[in-house]
Amino acid sequence: MIFFVTCHSFAQNNSRVDSDGDGVMDRKDLDDDNDGILDTIENNKRKENLTRWKNRINVKSSFNNIIFRSGGSDWCNTINSIPFSKLDFNNSYKVTFNVRGSNDAIIGFGIEENGISYEDVDYGFLFKNNTFKIFSNGVEKTEIHYFKKKDLFKIVYNNRKLKFFQNKILIKSFDVGPDLDFYLDTSFRGFKGGRHGKRHHSGYYNNRGNRISIFSNFTISSVANLDTDNDGIINSLDLDSDGDNCNDVIEAGYSDEDKDGVLGTGLPIVDSRGRVTGKGGYTSIENDYLNPLIKVCPDENEYGIYINTTNLPDTIYDIITSDLTLSNLISGKQNSESFIALGVDDGIDKTVFIKVNPSEKASELNLRFVVNGGEVSNIEVLSNGVWLVLSDDFYFLENSKISFMNEGSTAIPQFTINLINGVQYDSSVPLTVSVNENIDLLGATLEIISPTNVNLVVQPSSTINGFVVDNMLTEFGSYNFVLRIQGKLFKGHFLVKEPG
């Protein structure tokens, strides 16, 4: 069944409203604002098991359960989850779990991993036998409470508050602020004794006499529809969820030629569940629509450039200009592309720097280029403290987009040149270009062009993995060089100064 949209009217979701006017009531509509993003994704309405554990010290895990049987004495045993943000839970969520048996253990939320004691858990339930209290960084915050094994424990982070529940009863609430990157933090107290020694504490034991703690069924789920920009409109009804004046449909990676915030052009056609048909959308969603620091579309009175780092290593990188810094961007992903606004076209060169952090497969990479109006020039890479011209094999330009490549067979080889301060040639020794020992120089050449355009082609050395220029470079001035390795070109320059 196909519907034709006749109007657009936005309101908060309820069972008798058609917010986008597409003929499908919100209670049935999977896309309440027709922006090509499903409501459940925009609002982050989901639930999943906590199964990705880390920092295990004497504590074991089994799917979404954790078990402590034995370990070091005192509070020196732990296991943590990955940060909840890595699971795309950033605000408005809850973590629930059950207690099957407990002896001196704390289960709660941490902000920064800075220790393994119970004092290092920022907010948590501290269990002992069939009792618990709420602690914050080692400080007792409630009186003693009792529980049964079937009780459900819940920690809720919503509206800048952290709330602790036993079943449906609120035990304690903390004002903690927004946008905290929590993770599940724990600490277990070990003890001396047990099956073969004197028991120093009462508690829960298995049939072997080992004193154990078991916590089960850890899950995380959303507790409210997201309103990323806190404007009172939930994301599934907000055409600009992050409030950066760039509509979600564009920042999600889809087309909106008429700039009305709705997927495609003109009045959209939707199916019986309210999804726009024939215009793409709903797959391969980019998350820029949730980040106000990443603005994909430019303002009408400014220009800029798109920077695509999909083919750089999978790591963190920063983009830096004279006016702004975008930090902790992620390269190596399908949606690794950002728009950088450079202001009004005033005819002045704007330099853009890109700093790519080291990864498992590549070392740190620093790039820079100049933008003036719609023209990109002076694309360079930093090598051993010297900015060198970057071969066009490692980037390509398309309209107002520059895409970089540095992966697999296109990785930039590592080489060094014996230049003074990385710039000047010392004529007392041969010019030497040393290449990484792991790089095959079969067919490689080094071409040197003098200030008067005299060319010198040098073959790989027989004594080092590189090139040695025995010829005296007698002309004074700026020399260019072209290094050809495995079909790739690397260009740069150096100086030969006149003595005195």
Protein backbone atom coordinates (compact mmCIF):
# COMPACT_ATOMS: atom_id res chain seq x y z
CA MET A 1 0.00 0.00 0.00
CA ILE A 2 1.35 3.46 -0.95
CA PHE A 3 0.43 6.83 0.60
CA PHE A 4 1.07 10.33 -0.73
CA VAL A 5 2.01 12.99 1.79
CA THR A 6 -0.08 16.16 1.69
CA CYS A 7 1.25 18.11 4.67
CA HIS A 8 3.85 18.18 7.43
CA SER A 9 2.84 18.73 11.05
CA PHE A 10 5.12 17.78 13.93
CA ALA A 11 4.01 16.96 17.47
CA GLN A 12 5.03 14.70 20.31
CA ASN A 13 4.30 11.02 19.72
CA ASN A 14 1.00 9.48 20.82
CA SER A 15 -1.45 6.90 19.49
CA ARG A 16 -3.79 9.42 17.77
CA VAL A 17 -1.23 11.61 16.00
CA ASP A 18 0.29 11.53 12.52
CA SER A 19 3.29 13.78 13.14
CA ASP A 20 4.62 13.85 9.58
CA GLY A 21 1.20 13.88 7.89
CA ASP A 22 1.98 10.88 5.71
CA GLY A 23 -1.26 9.03 6.44
CA VAL A 24 0.31 6.58 8.90
CA MET A 25 -0.42 7.13 12.59
CA ASP A 26 2.62 7.47 14.85
CA ARG A 27 1.73 4.31 16.76
CA LYS A 28 2.33 2.37 13.50
CA ASP A 29 4.77 4.70 11.71
CA LEU A 30 8.39 3.50 11.77
CA ASP A 31 9.72 6.90 10.63
CA ASP A 32 7.72 9.70 12.26
CA ASP A 33 9.56 12.54 10.49
CA ASN A 34 10.35 10.87 7.13
CA ASP A 35 14.07 11.62 7.35
CA GLY A 36 15.19 8.11 6.38
CA ILE A 37 16.18 7.08 9.91
CA LEU A 38 14.01 4.61 11.80
CA ASP A 39 12.48 5.97 15.02
CA THR A 40 13.96 3.18 17.15
CA ILE A 41 17.44 4.13 15.95
CA GLU A 42 16.96 7.88 16.39
CA ASN A 43 15.51 7.38 19.88
CA ASN A 44 17.92 4.56 20.76
CA LYS A 45 15.03 2.42 22.06
CA ARG A 46 16.68 -0.94 22.54
CA LYS A 47 17.95 -3.45 25.04
CA GLU A 48 21.01 -5.66 24.97
CA ASN A 49 23.03 -7.93 27.22
CA LEU A 50 26.30 -6.73 28.72
CA THR A 51 28.78 -9.30 27.46
CA ARG A 52 31.92 -7.35 26.53
CA TRP A 53 34.08 -7.54 29.64
CA LYS A 54 37.62 -6.26 30.25
CA ASN A 55 40.22 -5.76 32.99
CA ARG A 56 39.58 -9.21 34.46
CA ILE A 57 41.50 -9.79 37.69
CA ASN A 58 40.52 -13.10 39.34
CA VAL A 59 36.91 -12.64 38.18
CA LYS A 60 35.34 -14.75 35.43
CA SER A 61 32.48 -14.02 33.06
CA SER A 62 29.96 -16.19 31.27
CA PHE A 63 27.95 -14.25 28.70
CA ASN A 64 26.17 -11.57 30.81
CA ASN A 65 27.07 -13.12 34.17
CA ILE A 66 30.15 -12.59 36.37
CA ILE A 67 31.54 -14.99 38.98
CA PHE A 68 34.16 -14.52 41.68
CA ARG A 69 35.37 -17.73 43.34
CA SER A 70 38.81 -16.93 44.68
CA GLY A 71 41.51 -14.34 44.37
CA GLY A 72 43.82 -12.02 46.20
CA SER A 73 42.99 -10.94 49.72
CA ASP A 74 41.33 -7.58 50.28
CA TRP A 75 39.69 -5.51 47.49
CA CYS A 76 42.02 -6.45 44.64
CA ASN A 77 39.75 -8.44 42.31
CA THR A 78 37.68 -6.91 39.53
CA ILE A 79 36.05 -7.06 36.13
CA ASN A 80 34.68 -4.14 34.08
CA SER A 81 32.49 -3.64 31.06
CA ILE A 82 33.52 -1.55 28.09
CA PRO A 83 32.24 2.07 28.28
CA PHE A 84 28.54 2.25 27.56
CA SER A 85 29.22 4.84 24.85
CA LYS A 86 30.91 2.06 22.87
CA LEU A 87 27.49 0.39 22.81
CA ASP A 88 25.90 3.68 21.64
CA PHE A 89 24.33 4.40 25.03
CA ASN A 90 25.30 7.96 25.95
CA ASN A 91 22.39 9.28 28.01
CA SER A 92 19.08 7.98 29.32
CA TYR A 93 19.73 4.28 29.97
CA LYS A 94 19.54 1.71 32.76
CA VAL A 95 21.58 -1.32 33.78
CA THR A 96 19.82 -4.19 35.56
CA PHE A 97 21.12 -7.38 37.21
CA ASN A 98 20.37 -10.07 39.81
CA VAL A 99 22.38 -11.35 42.78
CA ARG A 100 22.64 -15.12 43.17
CA GLY A 101 25.16 -14.96 45.99
CA SER A 102 27.45 -12.28 47.34
CA ASN A 103 30.29 -11.79 49.79
CA ASP A 104 31.84 -8.32 50.01
CA ALA A 105 31.38 -7.09 46.45
CA ILE A 106 30.52 -3.74 44.91
CA ILE A 107 28.71 -3.38 41.58
CA GLY A 108 28.24 0.07 40.12
CA PHE A 109 29.28 2.74 37.64
CA GLY A 110 32.75 4.13 37.02
CA ILE A 111 33.79 7.22 35.10
CA GLU A 112 37.55 6.75 34.86
CA GLU A 113 39.53 3.56 35.35
CA ASN A 114 41.96 4.56 38.10
CA GLY A 115 42.02 1.60 40.48
CA ILE A 116 40.42 -1.71 41.44
CA SER A 117 39.37 -1.18 45.06
CA TYR A 118 35.79 -0.57 46.18
CA GLU A 119 36.86 3.03 46.83
CA ASP A 120 37.51 3.46 43.10
CA VAL A 121 33.92 2.64 42.11
CA ASP A 122 32.30 6.06 41.69
CA TYR A 123 28.75 4.95 42.51
CA GLY A 124 27.65 1.44 43.41
CA PHE A 125 25.76 -1.19 45.40
CA LEU A 126 28.04 -2.74 48.04
CA PHE A 127 26.78 -6.25 48.86
CA LYS A 128 27.58 -8.40 51.89
CA ASN A 129 25.73 -11.68 52.34
CA ASN A 130 22.02 -10.72 52.07
CA THR A 131 22.50 -7.00 52.72
CA PHE A 132 23.59 -3.97 50.71
CA LYS A 133 24.37 -0.26 51.02
CA ILE A 134 25.05 2.45 48.44
CA PHE A 135 28.64 3.74 48.32
CA SER A 136 30.36 6.52 46.39
CA ASN A 137 34.16 6.38 46.14
CA GLY A 138 34.38 4.47 49.40
CA VAL A 139 31.93 6.68 51.29
CA GLU A 140 28.76 5.09 52.67
CA LYS A 141 25.66 6.92 51.39
CA THR A 142 22.75 4.86 52.78
CA GLU A 143 21.82 2.71 55.73
CA ILE A 144 21.76 -1.07 55.47
CA HIS A 145 19.11 -2.77 53.28
CA TYR A 146 18.16 -6.44 52.90
CA PHE A 147 17.46 -8.35 49.70
CA LYS A 148 16.38 -11.73 48.32
CA LYS A 149 17.96 -13.65 45.47
CA LYS A 150 15.10 -12.91 43.05
CA ASP A 151 15.32 -9.16 43.58
CA LEU A 152 16.11 -7.01 40.56
CA PHE A 153 18.74 -4.29 41.00
CA LYS A 154 18.76 -1.32 38.67
CA ILE A 155 20.98 1.74 38.08
CA VAL A 156 19.37 4.45 35.94
CA TYR A 157 21.19 7.37 34.27
CA ASN A 158 18.67 9.95 33.03
CA ASN A 159 18.12 13.71 33.24
CA ARG A 160 21.58 14.28 34.77
CA LYS A 161 20.75 11.99 37.68
CA LEU A 162 21.95 8.55 38.71
CA LYS A 163 19.32 6.50 40.55
CA PHE A 164 19.65 3.19 42.39
CA PHE A 165 16.64 0.86 42.63
CA GLN A 166 15.87 -2.41 44.41
CA ASN A 167 13.01 -3.84 42.37
CA LYS A 168 10.82 -0.74 41.90
CA ILE A 169 11.91 1.01 45.09
CA LEU A 170 14.22 4.02 44.75
CA ILE A 171 17.08 3.63 47.25
CA LYS A 172 19.33 6.59 46.40
CA SER A 173 19.65 9.37 43.81
CA PHE A 174 22.75 11.39 42.84
CA ASP A 175 23.01 14.60 40.80
CA VAL A 176 25.88 13.78 38.44
CA GLY A 177 25.50 16.02 35.36
CA PRO A 178 25.11 15.25 31.63
CA ASP A 179 27.19 13.33 29.11
CA LEU A 180 29.20 11.18 31.53
CA ASP A 181 30.81 8.17 29.87
CA PHE A 182 30.04 5.48 32.45
CA TYR A 183 31.04 1.82 32.41
CA LEU A 184 30.14 -1.05 34.75
CA ASP A 185 32.76 -1.06 37.51
CA THR A 186 33.23 -3.75 40.16
CA SER A 187 35.46 -4.81 43.03
CA PHE A 188 35.47 -8.08 45.00
CA ARG A 189 37.05 -8.66 48.38
CA GLY A 190 39.14 -11.80 48.65
CA PHE A 191 40.11 -13.45 51.93
CA LYS A 192 42.50 -15.93 53.46
CA GLY A 193 41.02 -19.26 54.46
CA GLY A 194 38.21 -21.24 52.84
CA ARG A 195 37.98 -24.93 52.29
CA HIS A 196 41.41 -25.72 53.77
CA GLY A 197 41.59 -22.93 56.31
CA LYS A 198 39.59 -21.11 58.90
CA ARG A 199 36.71 -19.02 57.62
CA HIS A 200 37.10 -15.46 58.77
CA HIS A 201 33.76 -14.23 57.43
CA SER A 202 30.29 -15.65 57.13
CA GLY A 203 28.93 -15.71 53.63
CA TYR A 204 27.88 -17.62 50.52
CA TYR A 205 29.82 -20.84 49.73
CA ASN A 206 29.62 -23.46 47.02
CA ASN A 207 29.65 -27.20 47.70
CA ARG A 208 33.45 -27.24 47.71
CA GLY A 209 33.62 -24.77 50.55
CA ASN A 210 34.76 -21.89 48.34
CA ARG A 211 33.34 -18.50 49.22
CA ILE A 212 31.89 -17.08 45.98
CA SER A 213 29.91 -14.18 44.51
CA ILE A 214 27.66 -14.54 41.48
CA PHE A 215 25.92 -11.67 39.70
CA SER A 216 23.76 -12.50 36.69
CA ASN A 217 21.65 -11.19 33.82
CA PHE A 218 23.40 -7.86 33.25
CA THR A 219 21.48 -5.87 30.63
CA ILE A 220 21.52 -2.28 29.42
CA SER A 221 18.53 -0.57 27.84
CA SER A 222 17.20 2.88 27.05
CA VAL A 223 14.73 4.42 29.47
CA ALA A 224 13.49 7.38 27.42
CA ASN A 225 13.42 8.61 23.86
CA LEU A 226 16.52 10.61 23.07
CA ASP A 227 16.39 14.39 22.76
CA THR A 228 20.00 15.04 21.80
CA ASP A 229 19.83 18.84 21.64
CA ASN A 230 17.48 19.16 24.66
CA ASP A 231 15.01 21.30 22.71
CA GLY A 232 11.97 19.41 23.98
CA ILE A 233 11.48 17.47 20.73
CA ILE A 234 12.54 13.82 20.72
CA ASN A 235 14.91 12.79 17.95
CA SER A 236 12.34 10.81 15.95
CA LEU A 237 10.29 14.01 15.52
CA ASP A 238 13.23 16.43 15.24
CA LEU A 239 14.58 17.12 11.75
CA ASP A 240 17.80 18.45 13.33
CA SER A 241 18.43 16.19 16.33
CA ASP A 242 21.76 17.69 17.39
CA GLY A 243 20.78 21.33 16.84
CA ASP A 244 23.69 22.26 14.56
CA ASN A 245 21.48 23.75 11.80
CA CYS A 246 22.18 20.79 9.54
CA ASN A 247 19.28 18.38 9.03
CA ASP A 248 19.52 14.75 10.11
CA VAL A 249 18.79 13.41 6.63
CA ILE A 250 21.99 15.02 5.29
CA GLU A 251 24.15 14.14 8.30
CA ALA A 252 22.91 10.53 8.10
CA GLY A 253 24.36 10.34 4.58
CA TYR A 254 21.20 10.64 2.48
CA SER A 255 19.90 13.02 -0.20
CA ASP A 256 17.64 16.03 0.35
CA GLU A 257 17.90 18.20 -2.74
CA ASP A 258 15.06 20.54 -1.74
CA LYS A 259 16.53 20.99 1.77
CA ASP A 260 13.24 20.42 3.57
CA GLY A 261 14.70 17.90 6.02
CA VAL A 262 12.74 15.01 4.50
CA LEU A 263 14.36 12.17 2.55
CA GLY A 264 14.46 12.81 -1.21
CA THR A 265 12.80 15.58 -3.20
CA GLY A 266 9.21 16.77 -3.05
CA LEU A 267 6.38 15.09 -1.19
CA PRO A 268 7.62 11.65 -0.11
CA ILE A 269 5.84 8.40 -0.93
CA VAL A 270 5.67 6.03 2.04
CA ASP A 271 4.75 2.39 2.56
CA SER A 272 2.16 1.03 4.99
CA ARG A 273 4.60 1.42 7.91
CA GLY A 274 5.51 5.02 7.11
CA ARG A 275 8.92 4.42 5.48
CA VAL A 276 9.83 6.62 2.52
CA THR A 277 10.15 4.48 -0.61
CA GLY A 278 12.43 4.77 -3.62
CA LYS A 279 14.79 7.34 -2.09
CA GLY A 280 17.35 5.20 -0.29
CA GLY A 281 17.68 5.66 3.44
CA TYR A 282 17.39 3.33 6.44
CA THR A 283 20.73 1.56 5.84
CA SER A 284 24.42 2.51 6.32
CA ILE A 285 23.45 5.35 8.64
CA GLU A 286 26.15 7.84 9.56
CA ASN A 287 25.98 9.13 13.14
CA ASP A 288 26.91 12.76 12.43
CA TYR A 289 23.27 13.72 13.09
CA LEU A 290 23.90 13.02 16.80
CA ASN A 291 27.07 15.11 17.10
CA PRO A 292 26.74 18.93 17.07
CA LEU A 293 30.52 19.24 16.66
CA ILE A 294 30.34 17.57 13.25
CA LYS A 295 28.43 19.66 10.76
CA VAL A 296 28.16 18.09 7.33
CA CYS A 297 26.36 20.88 5.47
CA PRO A 298 27.76 24.42 5.17
CA ASP A 299 25.90 27.64 5.89
CA GLU A 300 24.80 29.60 2.85
CA ASN A 301 27.40 32.35 3.41
CA GLU A 302 30.44 30.17 4.01
CA TYR A 303 32.52 27.67 2.14
CA GLY A 304 34.49 24.67 3.27
CA ILE A 305 35.73 21.24 2.36
CA TYR A 306 34.75 17.65 3.00
CA ILE A 307 37.56 15.47 4.38
CA ASN A 308 37.19 11.73 3.82
CA THR A 309 39.42 9.39 5.86
CA THR A 310 37.67 6.10 5.12
CA ASN A 311 40.86 4.60 3.69
CA LEU A 312 43.18 5.77 6.46
CA PRO A 313 43.95 3.37 9.35
CA ASP A 314 41.17 2.57 11.81
CA THR A 315 42.12 4.99 14.58
CA ILE A 316 41.43 8.42 16.11
CA TYR A 317 42.34 11.66 14.31
CA ASP A 318 41.99 15.42 14.74
CA ILE A 319 41.29 18.16 12.20
CA ILE A 320 42.78 21.56 13.04
CA THR A 321 42.35 24.98 11.43
CA SER A 322 43.04 28.46 12.71
CA ASP A 323 39.43 28.76 13.89
CA LEU A 324 38.49 25.33 15.19
CA THR A 325 39.66 21.88 16.26
CA LEU A 326 37.61 18.72 15.75
CA SER A 327 39.00 16.06 18.09
CA ASN A 328 38.52 12.33 18.51
CA LEU A 329 37.16 11.72 15.02
CA ILE A 330 37.32 8.13 13.79
CA SER A 331 39.07 7.19 10.55
CA GLY A 332 38.95 3.91 8.68
CA LYS A 333 35.15 3.61 8.79
CA GLN A 334 32.63 3.71 5.97
CA ASN A 335 31.24 6.99 7.29
CA SER A 336 34.59 8.65 8.13
CA GLU A 337 33.88 11.97 6.46
CA SER A 338 33.51 15.46 7.94
CA PHE A 339 32.73 18.91 6.58
CA ILE A 340 35.06 21.68 7.73
CA ALA A 341 33.67 25.19 7.45
CA LEU A 342 36.35 27.73 6.48
CA GLY A 343 34.30 30.90 6.62
CA VAL A 344 33.66 33.53 3.98
CA ASP A 345 35.66 33.34 0.74
CA ASP A 346 37.98 36.30 1.33
CA GLY A 347 40.80 35.20 -0.97
CA ILE A 348 43.06 34.28 1.95
CA ASP A 349 44.75 30.88 2.15
CA LYS A 350 43.32 28.61 4.89
CA THR A 351 45.62 25.83 6.13
CA VAL A 352 44.05 22.60 7.37
CA PHE A 353 46.04 20.13 9.49
CA ILE A 354 45.13 16.48 10.03
CA LYS A 355 46.76 14.49 12.82
CA VAL A 356 46.12 10.74 12.67
CA ASN A 357 47.00 8.82 15.84
CA PRO A 358 49.13 5.66 15.65
CA SER A 359 47.28 2.38 15.10
CA GLU A 360 48.24 -1.27 15.24
CA LYS A 361 49.09 -1.21 11.53
CA ALA A 362 50.52 2.28 11.05
CA SER A 363 52.51 4.96 12.82
CA GLU A 364 51.33 8.53 13.44
CA LEU A 365 50.47 10.42 10.28
CA ASN A 366 50.43 14.22 9.90
CA LEU A 367 48.95 15.87 6.81
CA ARG A 368 48.28 19.45 5.79
CA PHE A 369 46.90 21.31 2.80
CA VAL A 370 45.84 24.81 1.78
CA VAL A 371 42.33 25.82 0.72
CA ASN A 372 41.50 29.10 -1.01
CA GLY A 373 37.92 29.38 -2.17
CA GLY A 374 37.21 26.08 -3.85
CA GLU A 375 40.84 25.29 -4.70
CA VAL A 376 43.00 22.84 -2.72
CA SER A 377 46.79 23.01 -3.01
CA ASN A 378 50.07 22.32 -1.19
CA ILE A 379 49.03 18.85 0.00
CA GLU A 380 51.91 17.65 2.17
CA VAL A 381 52.90 14.92 4.62
CA LEU A 382 55.25 15.33 7.59
CA SER A 383 58.25 12.99 7.33
CA ASN A 384 61.06 13.12 9.89
CA GLY A 385 60.24 16.70 10.79
CA VAL A 386 60.05 17.88 7.17
CA TRP A 387 56.89 18.69 5.21
CA LEU A 388 57.11 16.86 1.88
CA VAL A 389 54.82 17.01 -1.13
CA LEU A 390 52.33 14.14 -0.86
CA SER A 391 52.09 11.97 -3.94
CA ASP A 392 48.69 12.12 -5.61
CA ASP A 393 48.62 8.33 -5.30
CA PHE A 394 47.62 8.92 -1.68
CA TYR A 395 44.70 11.27 -2.19
CA PHE A 396 42.16 12.36 -4.74
CA LEU A 397 40.14 15.54 -5.16
CA GLU A 398 36.52 15.66 -6.21
CA ASN A 399 34.67 18.99 -6.20
CA SER A 400 34.96 20.23 -2.58
CA LYS A 401 36.14 16.91 -1.15
CA ILE A 402 39.60 15.53 -0.47
CA SER A 403 39.93 11.81 0.25
CA PHE A 404 43.11 10.35 1.74
CA MET A 405 44.42 6.80 1.35
CA ASN A 406 47.04 5.05 3.44
CA GLU A 407 46.11 1.42 3.83
CA GLY A 408 47.38 -1.99 2.69
CA SER A 409 49.48 -1.77 -0.46
CA THR A 410 49.12 2.02 -0.53
CA ALA A 411 50.89 2.59 2.80
CA ILE A 412 53.50 5.35 2.70
CA PRO A 413 56.99 3.80 2.89
CA GLN A 414 59.29 5.03 5.64
CA PHE A 415 62.49 6.70 4.47
CA THR A 416 64.99 9.20 5.81
CA ILE A 417 67.42 11.61 4.15
CA ASN A 418 70.64 12.85 5.74
CA LEU A 419 69.79 16.55 5.63
CA ILE A 420 70.74 19.22 8.16
CA ASN A 421 67.58 20.14 10.10
CA GLY A 422 65.70 18.11 7.53
CA VAL A 423 66.26 20.79 4.88
CA GLN A 424 69.90 21.40 3.90
CA TYR A 425 72.32 18.99 2.20
CA ASP A 426 75.78 18.67 3.79
CA SER A 427 78.09 18.44 0.77
CA SER A 428 80.89 16.88 2.83
CA VAL A 429 79.16 13.46 2.68
CA PRO A 430 77.17 11.67 -0.02
CA LEU A 431 73.43 12.37 -0.07
CA THR A 432 71.84 9.22 1.38
CA VAL A 433 68.19 8.13 1.28
CA SER A 434 67.64 5.23 3.69
CA VAL A 435 64.47 3.15 3.18
CA ASN A 436 62.83 0.81 5.68
CA GLU A 437 64.46 -2.62 5.49
CA ASN A 438 61.08 -4.31 4.96
CA ILE A 439 60.43 -2.44 1.70
CA ASP A 440 61.54 -4.06 -1.56
CA LEU A 441 63.38 -1.60 -3.84
CA LEU A 442 63.18 -3.72 -6.98
CA GLY A 443 62.61 -1.27 -9.84
CA ALA A 444 62.84 1.75 -7.53
CA THR A 445 64.64 4.95 -8.58
CA LEU A 446 65.58 8.30 -7.08
CA GLU A 447 65.43 11.25 -9.46
CA ILE A 448 67.06 14.54 -8.46
CA ILE A 449 66.33 17.76 -10.35
CA SER A 450 68.82 20.61 -9.94
CA PRO A 451 67.92 24.32 -9.80
CA THR A 452 68.71 24.52 -13.55
CA ASN A 453 66.54 21.46 -14.31
CA VAL A 454 69.41 19.01 -14.77
CA ASN A 455 68.13 15.51 -14.00
CA LEU A 456 70.09 12.83 -12.16
CA VAL A 457 68.59 9.32 -11.87
CA VAL A 458 70.04 7.12 -9.10
CA GLN A 459 69.57 3.35 -8.77
CA PRO A 460 69.26 1.51 -5.41
CA SER A 461 72.54 1.11 -3.52
CA SER A 462 74.28 -2.25 -3.22
CA THR A 463 75.40 -1.49 0.35
CA ILE A 464 72.20 -0.20 2.01
CA ASN A 465 68.46 -0.53 1.44
CA GLY A 466 68.23 2.90 -0.11
CA PHE A 467 70.09 5.28 -2.39
CA VAL A 468 73.54 6.87 -2.19
CA VAL A 469 74.27 9.88 -4.41
CA ASP A 470 78.02 9.88 -5.03
CA ASN A 471 77.84 12.76 -7.50
CA MET A 472 78.71 16.11 -5.98
CA LEU A 473 75.71 18.45 -6.13
CA THR A 474 77.57 21.58 -7.10
CA GLU A 475 74.71 23.91 -8.01
CA PHE A 476 73.44 26.16 -5.25
CA GLY A 477 69.72 26.54 -4.63
CA SER A 478 66.63 24.39 -4.26
CA TYR A 479 66.66 20.79 -5.54
CA ASN A 480 63.55 18.66 -6.09
CA PHE A 481 63.54 14.90 -5.79
CA VAL A 482 61.15 12.17 -6.91
CA LEU A 483 61.35 8.80 -5.16
CA ARG A 484 59.67 5.95 -7.06
CA ILE A 485 58.98 2.83 -4.97
CA GLN A 486 56.68 -0.01 -5.99
CA GLY A 487 54.91 2.18 -8.54
CA LYS A 488 54.32 5.01 -6.06
CA LEU A 489 55.77 8.52 -6.21
CA PHE A 490 57.11 10.55 -3.28
CA LYS A 491 58.20 14.11 -3.92
CA GLY A 492 60.14 16.63 -1.88
CA HIS A 493 62.91 19.19 -1.97
CA PHE A 494 66.13 20.22 -0.22
CA LEU A 495 68.62 23.07 -0.32
CA VAL A 496 72.28 23.33 -1.27
CA LYS A 497 73.62 26.59 0.12
CA GLU A 498 76.61 28.52 -1.11
CA PRO A 499 79.47 28.44 1.42
CA GLY A 500 80.12 31.51 3.52
